Amino acid sequence: MNDTPTYLPESGDWSCAACGEKLTPGSVAVTYLQGGFTITLMTCQKCGLSLVPEHLAVGKMFEVEQLLEDK
């Protein structure tokens, strides 16, 4: 059973803005302060850049940031 959170777009053919390679789902290590976890995002296998959906960046990640800073 895979408990890794997955954040993938519902549809679309996504390409890397830096090198033009097609993005594929991949594991990404996310760190903030001393905490870290792994999530699945659309990732460029060539250069390693990942697509972070807006709802994740301004929603979920912001919530986690606030929780960690409040401690």
C-alpha atoms as a PDB file:
ATOM      1  CA  MET A   1       0.000   0.000   0.000  1.00  0.00           C
ATOM      2  CA  ASN A   2       1.402   3.395  -1.034  1.00  0.00           C
ATOM      3  CA  ASP A   3       0.720   6.194   1.472  1.00  0.00           C
ATOM      4  CA  THR A   4       2.607   8.849  -0.513  1.00  0.00           C
ATOM      5  CA  PRO A   5       0.368  11.861  -1.208  1.00  0.00           C
ATOM      6  CA  THR A   6      -0.148  12.340  -4.939  1.00  0.00           C
ATOM      7  CA  TYR A   7      -0.816  15.707  -6.583  1.00  0.00           C
ATOM      8  CA  LEU A   8      -1.285  15.272 -10.326  1.00  0.00           C
ATOM      9  CA  PRO A   9      -3.258  17.408 -12.784  1.00  0.00           C
ATOM     10  CA  GLU A  10      -6.599  15.945 -13.858  1.00  0.00           C
ATOM     11  CA  SER A  11      -5.647  16.110 -17.524  1.00  0.00           C
ATOM     12  CA  GLY A  12      -3.235  17.598 -20.009  1.00  0.00           C
ATOM     13  CA  ASP A  13       0.043  16.888 -21.706  1.00  0.00           C
ATOM     14  CA  TRP A  14       2.621  18.691 -19.573  1.00  0.00           C
ATOM     15  CA  SER A  15       6.154  19.654 -20.639  1.00  0.00           C
ATOM     16  CA  CYS A  16       9.058  21.093 -18.669  1.00  0.00           C
ATOM     17  CA  ALA A  17       9.377  24.875 -18.985  1.00  0.00           C
ATOM     18  CA  ALA A  18      13.172  24.626 -18.700  1.00  0.00           C
ATOM     19  CA  CYS A  19      14.088  21.865 -21.148  1.00  0.00           C
ATOM     20  CA  GLY A  20      10.879  20.842 -22.963  1.00  0.00           C
ATOM     21  CA  GLU A  21      10.862  17.197 -21.816  1.00  0.00           C
ATOM     22  CA  LYS A  22       7.508  15.552 -21.114  1.00  0.00           C
ATOM     23  CA  LEU A  23       6.594  15.525 -17.407  1.00  0.00           C
ATOM     24  CA  THR A  24       5.805  12.203 -15.754  1.00  0.00           C
ATOM     25  CA  PRO A  25       4.676  11.342 -12.212  1.00  0.00           C
ATOM     26  CA  GLY A  26       7.639  10.997  -9.864  1.00  0.00           C
ATOM     27  CA  SER A  27       8.557  11.038  -6.194  1.00  0.00           C
ATOM     28  CA  VAL A  28       9.726  14.395  -4.893  1.00  0.00           C
ATOM     29  CA  ALA A  29      11.377  15.009  -1.529  1.00  0.00           C
ATOM     30  CA  VAL A  30       9.880  18.127   0.046  1.00  0.00           C
ATOM     31  CA  THR A  31      11.578  19.816   2.981  1.00  0.00           C
ATOM     32  CA  TYR A  32      10.702  22.778   5.136  1.00  0.00           C
ATOM     33  CA  LEU A  33      12.824  23.847   8.102  1.00  0.00           C
ATOM     34  CA  GLN A  34      13.907  20.502   9.611  1.00  0.00           C
ATOM     35  CA  GLY A  35      10.875  18.522   8.416  1.00  0.00           C
ATOM     36  CA  GLY A  36      10.691  16.449   5.280  1.00  0.00           C
ATOM     37  CA  PHE A  37       8.351  14.133   3.419  1.00  0.00           C
ATOM     38  CA  THR A  38       7.853  12.611  -0.015  1.00  0.00           C
ATOM     39  CA  ILE A  39       5.009  13.387  -2.422  1.00  0.00           C
ATOM     40  CA  THR A  40       4.232  12.499  -6.041  1.00  0.00           C
ATOM     41  CA  LEU A  41       4.224  15.364  -8.564  1.00  0.00           C
ATOM     42  CA  MET A  42       4.607  15.727 -12.318  1.00  0.00           C
ATOM     43  CA  THR A  43       8.391  15.780 -12.725  1.00  0.00           C
ATOM     44  CA  CYS A  44      10.938  16.221 -15.490  1.00  0.00           C
ATOM     45  CA  GLN A  45      13.137  13.141 -15.535  1.00  0.00           C
ATOM     46  CA  LYS A  46      15.825  15.058 -17.449  1.00  0.00           C
ATOM     47  CA  CYS A  47      16.408  18.158 -15.308  1.00  0.00           C
ATOM     48  CA  GLY A  48      14.475  17.319 -12.127  1.00  0.00           C
ATOM     49  CA  LEU A  49      12.062  20.274 -12.047  1.00  0.00           C
ATOM     50  CA  SER A  50       8.567  19.542 -10.748  1.00  0.00           C
ATOM     51  CA  LEU A  51       5.137  21.016 -11.406  1.00  0.00           C
ATOM     52  CA  VAL A  52       3.573  22.162  -8.135  1.00  0.00           C
ATOM     53  CA  PRO A  53      -0.149  22.762  -8.702  1.00  0.00           C
ATOM     54  CA  GLU A  54      -1.365  26.173  -7.500  1.00  0.00           C
ATOM     55  CA  HIS A  55      -3.888  24.631  -5.084  1.00  0.00           C
ATOM     56  CA  LEU A  56      -1.039  22.741  -3.421  1.00  0.00           C
ATOM     57  CA  ALA A  57       1.383  25.685  -3.279  1.00  0.00           C
ATOM     58  CA  VAL A  58      -1.047  28.265  -1.899  1.00  0.00           C
ATOM     59  CA  GLY A  59      -3.287  25.833  -0.050  1.00  0.00           C
ATOM     60  CA  LYS A  60      -1.854  22.700   1.498  1.00  0.00           C
ATOM     61  CA  MET A  61       1.818  23.771   1.616  1.00  0.00           C
ATOM     62  CA  PHE A  62       0.845  27.123   3.115  1.00  0.00           C
ATOM     63  CA  GLU A  63      -1.174  25.320   5.830  1.00  0.00           C
ATOM     64  CA  VAL A  64       1.795  23.069   6.671  1.00  0.00           C
ATOM     65  CA  GLU A  65       4.134  26.082   6.738  1.00  0.00           C
ATOM     66  CA  GLN A  66       1.847  27.883   9.176  1.00  0.00           C
ATOM     67  CA  LEU A  67       1.562  24.813  11.428  1.00  0.00           C
ATOM     68  CA  LEU A  68       5.348  24.359  11.546  1.00  0.00           C
ATOM     69  CA  GLU A  69       6.027  28.035  12.236  1.00  0.00           C
ATOM     70  CA  ASP A  70       3.420  28.132  15.031  1.00  0.00           C
ATOM     71  CA  LYS A  71       5.281  25.418  16.988  1.00  0.00           C
END
